[in-house]
PDB file of all heavy atoms in Angstrom:
ATOM      1  N   ASP A   1     -31.507 -26.635 -17.932  1.00  0.00           N
ATOM      2  CA  ASP A   1     -30.886 -27.658 -17.041  1.00  0.00           C
ATOM      3  C   ASP A   1     -29.422 -27.366 -16.851  1.00  0.00           C
ATOM      4  O   ASP A   1     -28.548 -28.247 -16.934  1.00  0.00           O
ATOM      5  CB  ASP A   1     -31.121 -29.053 -17.642  1.00  0.00           C
ATOM      6  CG  ASP A   1     -30.864 -30.125 -16.586  1.00  0.00           C
ATOM      7  OD1 ASP A   1     -31.088 -29.843 -15.383  1.00  0.00           O
ATOM      8  OD2 ASP A   1     -30.416 -31.262 -16.944  1.00  0.00           O
ATOM      9  N   ALA A   2     -29.100 -26.117 -16.589  1.00  0.00           N
ATOM     10  CA  ALA A   2     -27.726 -25.672 -16.323  1.00  0.00           C
ATOM     11  C   ALA A   2     -27.620 -25.379 -14.830  1.00  0.00           C
ATOM     12  O   ALA A   2     -28.613 -25.208 -14.123  1.00  0.00           O
ATOM     13  CB  ALA A   2     -27.407 -24.452 -17.143  1.00  0.00           C
ATOM     14  N   GLU A   3     -26.349 -25.296 -14.359  1.00  0.00           N
ATOM     15  CA  GLU A   3     -26.086 -25.104 -12.938  1.00  0.00           C
ATOM     16  C   GLU A   3     -25.225 -23.857 -12.672  1.00  0.00           C
ATOM     17  O   GLU A   3     -24.221 -23.700 -13.346  1.00  0.00           O
ATOM     18  CB  GLU A   3     -25.398 -26.346 -12.387  1.00  0.00           C
ATOM     19  CG  GLU A   3     -25.056 -26.268 -10.927  1.00  0.00           C
ATOM     20  CD  GLU A   3     -24.246 -27.440 -10.457  1.00  0.00           C
ATOM     21  OE1 GLU A   3     -24.020 -28.407 -11.252  1.00  0.00           O
ATOM     22  OE2 GLU A   3     -23.801 -27.419  -9.303  1.00  0.00           O
ATOM     23  N   LEU A   4     -25.656 -23.070 -11.735  1.00  0.00           N
ATOM     24  CA  LEU A   4     -24.865 -21.902 -11.364  1.00  0.00           C
ATOM     25  C   LEU A   4     -23.715 -22.320 -10.440  1.00  0.00           C
ATOM     26  O   LEU A   4     -23.922 -22.982  -9.398  1.00  0.00           O
ATOM     27  CB  LEU A   4     -25.728 -20.873 -10.627  1.00  0.00           C
ATOM     28  CG  LEU A   4     -25.074 -19.569 -10.184  1.00  0.00           C
ATOM     29  CD1 LEU A   4     -24.580 -18.761 -11.425  1.00  0.00           C
ATOM     30  CD2 LEU A   4     -26.021 -18.746  -9.388  1.00  0.00           C
ATOM     31  N   ILE A   5     -22.478 -22.068 -10.830  1.00  0.00           N
ATOM     32  CA  ILE A   5     -21.297 -22.432 -10.017  1.00  0.00           C
ATOM     33  C   ILE A   5     -20.848 -21.245  -9.184  1.00  0.00           C
ATOM     34  O   ILE A   5     -20.522 -21.412  -8.004  1.00  0.00           O
ATOM     35  CB  ILE A   5     -20.144 -22.882 -10.928  1.00  0.00           C
ATOM     36  CG1 ILE A   5     -20.569 -24.100 -11.743  1.00  0.00           C
ATOM     37  CG2 ILE A   5     -18.895 -23.175 -10.121  1.00  0.00           C
ATOM     38  CD1 ILE A   5     -19.565 -24.495 -12.803  1.00  0.00           C
ATOM     39  N   LEU A   6     -20.825 -20.073  -9.771  1.00  0.00           N
ATOM     40  CA  LEU A   6     -20.289 -18.879  -9.092  1.00  0.00           C
ATOM     41  C   LEU A   6     -21.050 -17.667  -9.551  1.00  0.00           C
ATOM     42  O   LEU A   6     -21.324 -17.488 -10.742  1.00  0.00           O
ATOM     43  CB  LEU A   6     -18.797 -18.744  -9.434  1.00  0.00           C
ATOM     44  CG  LEU A   6     -18.125 -17.471  -8.910  1.00  0.00           C
ATOM     45  CD1 LEU A   6     -17.868 -17.532  -7.407  1.00  0.00           C
ATOM     46  CD2 LEU A   6     -16.821 -17.199  -9.683  1.00  0.00           C
ATOM     47  N   PHE A   7     -21.333 -16.783  -8.596  1.00  0.00           N
ATOM     48  CA  PHE A   7     -21.885 -15.476  -8.923  1.00  0.00           C
ATOM     49  C   PHE A   7     -21.192 -14.469  -8.001  1.00  0.00           C
ATOM     50  O   PHE A   7     -21.245 -14.595  -6.793  1.00  0.00           O
ATOM     51  CB  PHE A   7     -23.419 -15.451  -8.648  1.00  0.00           C
ATOM     52  CG  PHE A   7     -24.016 -14.063  -8.939  1.00  0.00           C
ATOM     53  CD1 PHE A   7     -24.403 -13.772 -10.208  1.00  0.00           C
ATOM     54  CD2 PHE A   7     -24.069 -13.100  -7.953  1.00  0.00           C
ATOM     55  CE1 PHE A   7     -24.959 -12.526 -10.500  1.00  0.00           C
ATOM     56  CE2 PHE A   7     -24.614 -11.870  -8.207  1.00  0.00           C
ATOM     57  CZ  PHE A   7     -25.047 -11.560  -9.507  1.00  0.00           C
ATOM     58  N   GLU A   8     -20.533 -13.530  -8.651  1.00  0.00           N
ATOM     59  CA  GLU A   8     -19.858 -12.497  -7.905  1.00  0.00           C
ATOM     60  C   GLU A   8     -20.330 -11.129  -8.442  1.00  0.00           C
ATOM     61  O   GLU A   8     -20.298 -10.899  -9.677  1.00  0.00           O
ATOM     62  CB  GLU A   8     -18.321 -12.554  -8.026  1.00  0.00           C
ATOM     63  CG  GLU A   8     -17.717 -13.732  -7.337  1.00  0.00           C
ATOM     64  CD  GLU A   8     -17.845 -13.690  -5.796  1.00  0.00           C
ATOM     65  OE1 GLU A   8     -17.911 -12.588  -5.281  1.00  0.00           O
ATOM     66  OE2 GLU A   8     -17.860 -14.765  -5.225  1.00  0.00           O
ATOM     67  N   TYR A   9     -20.723 -10.262  -7.525  1.00  0.00           N
ATOM     68  CA  TYR A   9     -21.203  -8.907  -7.895  1.00  0.00           C
ATOM     69  C   TYR A   9     -20.309  -7.932  -7.195  1.00  0.00           C
ATOM     70  O   TYR A   9     -20.256  -7.894  -5.972  1.00  0.00           O
ATOM     71  CB  TYR A   9     -22.682  -8.759  -7.497  1.00  0.00           C
ATOM     72  CG  TYR A   9     -23.230  -7.374  -7.688  1.00  0.00           C
ATOM     73  CD1 TYR A   9     -23.248  -6.823  -8.951  1.00  0.00           C
ATOM     74  CD2 TYR A   9     -23.745  -6.650  -6.638  1.00  0.00           C
ATOM     75  CE1 TYR A   9     -23.789  -5.553  -9.172  1.00  0.00           C
ATOM     76  CE2 TYR A   9     -24.299  -5.385  -6.834  1.00  0.00           C
ATOM     77  CZ  TYR A   9     -24.311  -4.833  -8.070  1.00  0.00           C
ATOM     78  OH  TYR A   9     -24.827  -3.611  -8.301  1.00  0.00           O
ATOM     79  N   TYR A  10     -19.557  -7.133  -7.962  1.00  0.00           N
ATOM     80  CA  TYR A  10     -18.632  -6.192  -7.399  1.00  0.00           C
ATOM     81  C   TYR A  10     -19.249  -4.810  -7.437  1.00  0.00           C
ATOM     82  O   TYR A  10     -19.059  -4.060  -8.388  1.00  0.00           O
ATOM     83  CB  TYR A  10     -17.290  -6.225  -8.173  1.00  0.00           C
ATOM     84  CG  TYR A  10     -16.672  -7.582  -8.125  1.00  0.00           C
ATOM     85  CD1 TYR A  10     -16.858  -8.515  -9.202  1.00  0.00           C
ATOM     86  CD2 TYR A  10     -15.874  -7.981  -7.043  1.00  0.00           C
ATOM     87  CE1 TYR A  10     -16.239  -9.760  -9.138  1.00  0.00           C
ATOM     88  CE2 TYR A  10     -15.323  -9.233  -6.980  1.00  0.00           C
ATOM     89  CZ  TYR A  10     -15.512 -10.120  -8.055  1.00  0.00           C
ATOM     90  OH  TYR A  10     -14.952 -11.370  -8.013  1.00  0.00           O
ATOM     91  N   HIS A  11     -20.006  -4.442  -6.426  1.00  0.00           N
ATOM     92  CA  HIS A  11     -20.697  -3.168  -6.389  1.00  0.00           C
ATOM     93  C   HIS A  11     -19.758  -2.005  -6.393  1.00  0.00           C
ATOM     94  O   HIS A  11     -20.122  -0.944  -6.869  1.00  0.00           O
ATOM     95  CB  HIS A  11     -21.673  -3.135  -5.213  1.00  0.00           C
ATOM     96  CG  HIS A  11     -20.985  -3.143  -3.869  1.00  0.00           C
ATOM     97  ND1 HIS A  11     -20.563  -4.255  -3.283  1.00  0.00           N
ATOM     98  CD2 HIS A  11     -20.668  -2.093  -3.073  1.00  0.00           C
ATOM     99  CE1 HIS A  11     -19.991  -3.963  -2.104  1.00  0.00           C
ATOM    100  NE2 HIS A  11     -20.033  -2.663  -1.984  1.00  0.00           N
ATOM    101  N   LYS A  12     -18.537  -2.188  -5.835  1.00  0.00           N
ATOM    102  CA  LYS A  12     -17.601  -1.032  -5.780  1.00  0.00           C
ATOM    103  C   LYS A  12     -16.874  -0.816  -7.112  1.00  0.00           C
ATOM    104  O   LYS A  12     -16.280   0.194  -7.279  1.00  0.00           O
ATOM    105  CB  LYS A  12     -16.571  -1.312  -4.662  1.00  0.00           C
ATOM    106  CG  LYS A  12     -17.135  -1.235  -3.312  1.00  0.00           C
ATOM    107  CD  LYS A  12     -16.070  -1.413  -2.250  1.00  0.00           C
ATOM    108  CE  LYS A  12     -16.633  -1.266  -0.848  1.00  0.00           C
ATOM    109  NZ  LYS A  12     -15.622  -1.423   0.176  1.00  0.00           N
ATOM    110  N   ILE A  13     -16.967  -1.813  -7.965  1.00  0.00           N
ATOM    111  CA  ILE A  13     -16.275  -1.684  -9.293  1.00  0.00           C
ATOM    112  C   ILE A  13     -17.332  -1.574 -10.400  1.00  0.00           C
ATOM    113  O   ILE A  13     -17.526  -2.472 -11.197  1.00  0.00           O
ATOM    114  CB  ILE A  13     -15.335  -2.926  -9.536  1.00  0.00           C
ATOM    115  CG1 ILE A  13     -14.450  -3.148  -8.339  1.00  0.00           C
ATOM    116  CG2 ILE A  13     -14.536  -2.718 -10.807  1.00  0.00           C
ATOM    117  CD1 ILE A  13     -13.649  -4.418  -8.378  1.00  0.00           C
ATOM    118  N   PHE A  14     -18.054  -0.493 -10.365  1.00  0.00           N
ATOM    119  CA  PHE A  14     -19.070  -0.182 -11.388  1.00  0.00           C
ATOM    120  C   PHE A  14     -20.126  -1.272 -11.560  1.00  0.00           C
ATOM    121  O   PHE A  14     -20.680  -1.419 -12.616  1.00  0.00           O
ATOM    122  CB  PHE A  14     -18.392   0.092 -12.730  1.00  0.00           C
ATOM    123  CG  PHE A  14     -17.352   1.174 -12.637  1.00  0.00           C
ATOM    124  CD1 PHE A  14     -15.999   0.872 -12.735  1.00  0.00           C
ATOM    125  CD2 PHE A  14     -17.695   2.485 -12.484  1.00  0.00           C
ATOM    126  CE1 PHE A  14     -15.049   1.839 -12.678  1.00  0.00           C
ATOM    127  CE2 PHE A  14     -16.711   3.489 -12.387  1.00  0.00           C
ATOM    128  CZ  PHE A  14     -15.416   3.150 -12.467  1.00  0.00           C
ATOM    129  N   GLY A  15     -20.314  -2.087 -10.542  1.00  0.00           N
ATOM    130  CA  GLY A  15     -21.328  -3.147 -10.624  1.00  0.00           C
ATOM    131  C   GLY A  15     -20.905  -4.301 -11.530  1.00  0.00           C
ATOM    132  O   GLY A  15     -21.765  -4.958 -12.064  1.00  0.00           O
ATOM    133  N   ASP A  16     -19.597  -4.512 -11.709  1.00  0.00           N
ATOM    134  CA  ASP A  16     -19.153  -5.627 -12.536  1.00  0.00           C
ATOM    135  C   ASP A  16     -19.657  -6.935 -11.954  1.00  0.00           C
ATOM    136  O   ASP A  16     -19.805  -7.106 -10.728  1.00  0.00           O
ATOM    137  CB  ASP A  16     -17.623  -5.655 -12.629  1.00  0.00           C
ATOM    138  CG  ASP A  16     -17.128  -4.507 -13.474  1.00  0.00           C
ATOM    139  OD1 ASP A  16     -17.918  -3.747 -14.027  1.00  0.00           O
ATOM    140  OD2 ASP A  16     -15.889  -4.395 -13.566  1.00  0.00           O
ATOM    141  N   ILE A  17     -19.845  -7.883 -12.870  1.00  0.00           N
ATOM    142  CA  ILE A  17     -20.450  -9.176 -12.472  1.00  0.00           C
ATOM    143  C   ILE A  17     -19.641 -10.299 -13.123  1.00  0.00           C
ATOM    144  O   ILE A  17     -19.246 -10.213 -14.273  1.00  0.00           O
ATOM    145  CB  ILE A  17     -21.936  -9.273 -12.943  1.00  0.00           C
ATOM    146  CG1 ILE A  17     -22.754  -8.177 -12.254  1.00  0.00           C
ATOM    147  CG2 ILE A  17     -22.492 -10.631 -12.627  1.00  0.00           C
ATOM    148  CD1 ILE A  17     -24.132  -8.026 -12.854  1.00  0.00           C
ATOM    149  N   VAL A  18     -19.434 -11.340 -12.384  1.00  0.00           N
ATOM    150  CA  VAL A  18     -18.798 -12.607 -12.880  1.00  0.00           C
ATOM    151  C   VAL A  18     -19.778 -13.766 -12.565  1.00  0.00           C
ATOM    152  O   VAL A  18     -20.208 -13.924 -11.446  1.00  0.00           O
ATOM    153  CB  VAL A  18     -17.453 -12.883 -12.244  1.00  0.00           C
ATOM    154  CG1 VAL A  18     -16.907 -14.220 -12.718  1.00  0.00           C
ATOM    155  CG2 VAL A  18     -16.467 -11.750 -12.455  1.00  0.00           C
ATOM    156  N   VAL A  19     -20.165 -14.503 -13.610  1.00  0.00           N
ATOM    157  CA  VAL A  19     -21.069 -15.620 -13.490  1.00  0.00           C
ATOM    158  C   VAL A  19     -20.371 -16.860 -14.122  1.00  0.00           C
ATOM    159  O   VAL A  19     -19.949 -16.797 -15.293  1.00  0.00           O
ATOM    160  CB  VAL A  19     -22.392 -15.393 -14.171  1.00  0.00           C
ATOM    161  CG1 VAL A  19     -23.292 -16.547 -14.049  1.00  0.00           C
ATOM    162  CG2 VAL A  19     -23.060 -14.170 -13.595  1.00  0.00           C
ATOM    163  N   GLU A  20     -20.287 -17.921 -13.384  1.00  0.00           N
ATOM    164  CA  GLU A  20     -19.823 -19.216 -13.915  1.00  0.00           C
ATOM    165  C   GLU A  20     -20.972 -20.220 -13.909  1.00  0.00           C
ATOM    166  O   GLU A  20     -21.633 -20.361 -12.914  1.00  0.00           O
ATOM    167  CB  GLU A  20     -18.654 -19.785 -13.123  1.00  0.00           C
ATOM    168  CG  GLU A  20     -17.362 -18.977 -13.275  1.00  0.00           C
ATOM    169  CD  GLU A  20     -16.227 -19.574 -12.519  1.00  0.00           C
ATOM    170  OE1 GLU A  20     -16.298 -20.775 -12.096  1.00  0.00           O
ATOM    171  OE2 GLU A  20     -15.222 -18.884 -12.310  1.00  0.00           O
ATOM    172  N   ILE A  21     -21.113 -20.878 -15.052  1.00  0.00           N
ATOM    173  CA  ILE A  21     -22.230 -21.803 -15.256  1.00  0.00           C
ATOM    174  C   ILE A  21     -21.692 -23.084 -15.799  1.00  0.00           C
ATOM    175  O   ILE A  21     -20.811 -23.098 -16.658  1.00  0.00           O
ATOM    176  CB  ILE A  21     -23.272 -21.237 -16.216  1.00  0.00           C
ATOM    177  CG1 ILE A  21     -23.879 -19.949 -15.647  1.00  0.00           C
ATOM    178  CG2 ILE A  21     -24.346 -22.226 -16.586  1.00  0.00           C
ATOM    179  CD1 ILE A  21     -24.684 -19.162 -16.643  1.00  0.00           C
ATOM    180  N   MET A  22     -22.272 -24.212 -15.360  1.00  0.00           N
ATOM    181  CA  MET A  22     -21.976 -25.525 -15.950  1.00  0.00           C
ATOM    182  C   MET A  22     -23.168 -25.933 -16.797  1.00  0.00           C
ATOM    183  O   MET A  22     -24.283 -25.998 -16.275  1.00  0.00           O
ATOM    184  CB  MET A  22     -21.707 -26.609 -14.854  1.00  0.00           C
ATOM    185  CG  MET A  22     -21.233 -27.869 -15.397  1.00  0.00           C
ATOM    186  SD  MET A  22     -19.659 -27.846 -16.250  1.00  0.00           S
ATOM    187  CE  MET A  22     -18.518 -27.569 -14.927  1.00  0.00           C
ATOM    188  N   TYR A  23     -22.887 -26.143 -18.075  1.00  0.00           N
ATOM    189  CA  TYR A  23     -23.954 -26.473 -18.977  1.00  0.00           C
ATOM    190  C   TYR A  23     -23.490 -27.523 -19.972  1.00  0.00           C
ATOM    191  O   TYR A  23     -22.488 -27.346 -20.678  1.00  0.00           O
ATOM    192  CB  TYR A  23     -24.444 -25.221 -19.730  1.00  0.00           C
ATOM    193  CG  TYR A  23     -25.516 -25.476 -20.789  1.00  0.00           C
ATOM    194  CD1 TYR A  23     -26.729 -25.989 -20.390  1.00  0.00           C
ATOM    195  CD2 TYR A  23     -25.337 -25.179 -22.118  1.00  0.00           C
ATOM    196  CE1 TYR A  23     -27.737 -26.198 -21.267  1.00  0.00           C
ATOM    197  CE2 TYR A  23     -26.341 -25.373 -23.023  1.00  0.00           C
ATOM    198  CZ  TYR A  23     -27.541 -25.892 -22.611  1.00  0.00           C
ATOM    199  OH  TYR A  23     -28.527 -26.103 -23.559  1.00  0.00           O
ATOM    200  N   LYS A  24     -24.161 -28.633 -19.988  1.00  0.00           N
ATOM    201  CA  LYS A  24     -23.780 -29.778 -20.837  1.00  0.00           C
ATOM    202  C   LYS A  24     -22.340 -30.202 -20.681  1.00  0.00           C
ATOM    203  O   LYS A  24     -21.638 -30.446 -21.643  1.00  0.00           O
ATOM    204  CB  LYS A  24     -24.079 -29.469 -22.284  1.00  0.00           C
ATOM    205  CG  LYS A  24     -25.542 -29.328 -22.591  1.00  0.00           C
ATOM    206  CD  LYS A  24     -25.840 -29.177 -24.065  1.00  0.00           C
ATOM    207  CE  LYS A  24     -27.326 -29.119 -24.306  1.00  0.00           C
ATOM    208  NZ  LYS A  24     -27.660 -28.929 -25.730  1.00  0.00           N
ATOM    209  N   GLY A  25     -21.866 -30.234 -19.458  1.00  0.00           N
ATOM    210  CA  GLY A  25     -20.494 -30.645 -19.150  1.00  0.00           C
ATOM    211  C   GLY A  25     -19.421 -29.604 -19.468  1.00  0.00           C
ATOM    212  O   GLY A  25     -18.244 -29.946 -19.365  1.00  0.00           O
ATOM    213  N   LYS A  26     -19.830 -28.432 -19.835  1.00  0.00           N
ATOM    214  CA  LYS A  26     -18.863 -27.410 -20.176  1.00  0.00           C
ATOM    215  C   LYS A  26     -19.103 -26.171 -19.266  1.00  0.00           C
ATOM    216  O   LYS A  26     -20.175 -25.772 -19.006  1.00  0.00           O
ATOM    217  CB  LYS A  26     -19.037 -26.995 -21.647  1.00  0.00           C
ATOM    218  CG  LYS A  26     -18.021 -25.976 -22.119  1.00  0.00           C
ATOM    219  CD  LYS A  26     -18.212 -25.667 -23.599  1.00  0.00           C
ATOM    220  CE  LYS A  26     -17.219 -24.586 -24.001  1.00  0.00           C
ATOM    221  NZ  LYS A  26     -17.513 -24.162 -25.368  1.00  0.00           N
ATOM    222  N   LYS A  27     -17.978 -25.584 -18.839  1.00  0.00           N
ATOM    223  CA  LYS A  27     -18.039 -24.412 -18.002  1.00  0.00           C
ATOM    224  C   LYS A  27     -18.133 -23.156 -18.884  1.00  0.00           C
ATOM    225  O   LYS A  27     -17.348 -22.959 -19.815  1.00  0.00           O
ATOM    226  CB  LYS A  27     -16.771 -24.328 -17.127  1.00  0.00           C
ATOM    227  CG  LYS A  27     -16.824 -23.282 -16.038  1.00  0.00           C
ATOM    228  CD  LYS A  27     -15.724 -23.570 -15.074  1.00  0.00           C
ATOM    229  CE  LYS A  27     -14.936 -22.351 -14.684  1.00  0.00           C
ATOM    230  NZ  LYS A  27     -13.910 -22.606 -13.701  1.00  0.00           N
ATOM    231  N   HIS A  28     -19.072 -22.290 -18.555  1.00  0.00           N
ATOM    232  CA  HIS A  28     -19.244 -21.006 -19.244  1.00  0.00           C
ATOM    233  C   HIS A  28     -19.038 -19.874 -18.219  1.00  0.00           C
ATOM    234  O   HIS A  28     -19.638 -19.877 -17.179  1.00  0.00           O
ATOM    235  CB  HIS A  28     -20.675 -20.914 -19.788  1.00  0.00           C
ATOM    236  CG  HIS A  28     -21.006 -21.938 -20.823  1.00  0.00           C
ATOM    237  ND1 HIS A  28     -20.852 -21.704 -22.145  1.00  0.00           N
ATOM    238  CD2 HIS A  28     -21.437 -23.204 -20.715  1.00  0.00           C
ATOM    239  CE1 HIS A  28     -21.193 -22.755 -22.851  1.00  0.00           C
ATOM    240  NE2 HIS A  28     -21.563 -23.710 -22.002  1.00  0.00           N
ATOM    241  N   VAL A  29     -18.171 -18.943 -18.625  1.00  0.00           N
ATOM    242  CA  VAL A  29     -17.856 -17.831 -17.749  1.00  0.00           C
ATOM    243  C   VAL A  29     -18.331 -16.536 -18.408  1.00  0.00           C
ATOM    244  O   VAL A  29     -17.884 -16.274 -19.527  1.00  0.00           O
ATOM    245  CB  VAL A  29     -16.337 -17.753 -17.374  1.00  0.00           C
ATOM    246  CG1 VAL A  29     -16.063 -16.566 -16.456  1.00  0.00           C
ATOM    247  CG2 VAL A  29     -15.885 -19.049 -16.735  1.00  0.00           C
TER     248      VAL A  29
END
């Protein structure tokens, strides 16, 4: 029961990924 806030996929930078999630009122990056 978590929510995806942000998903960024940087294909030009070795496939780096940033994911932000809201879970139980706390932001997880």
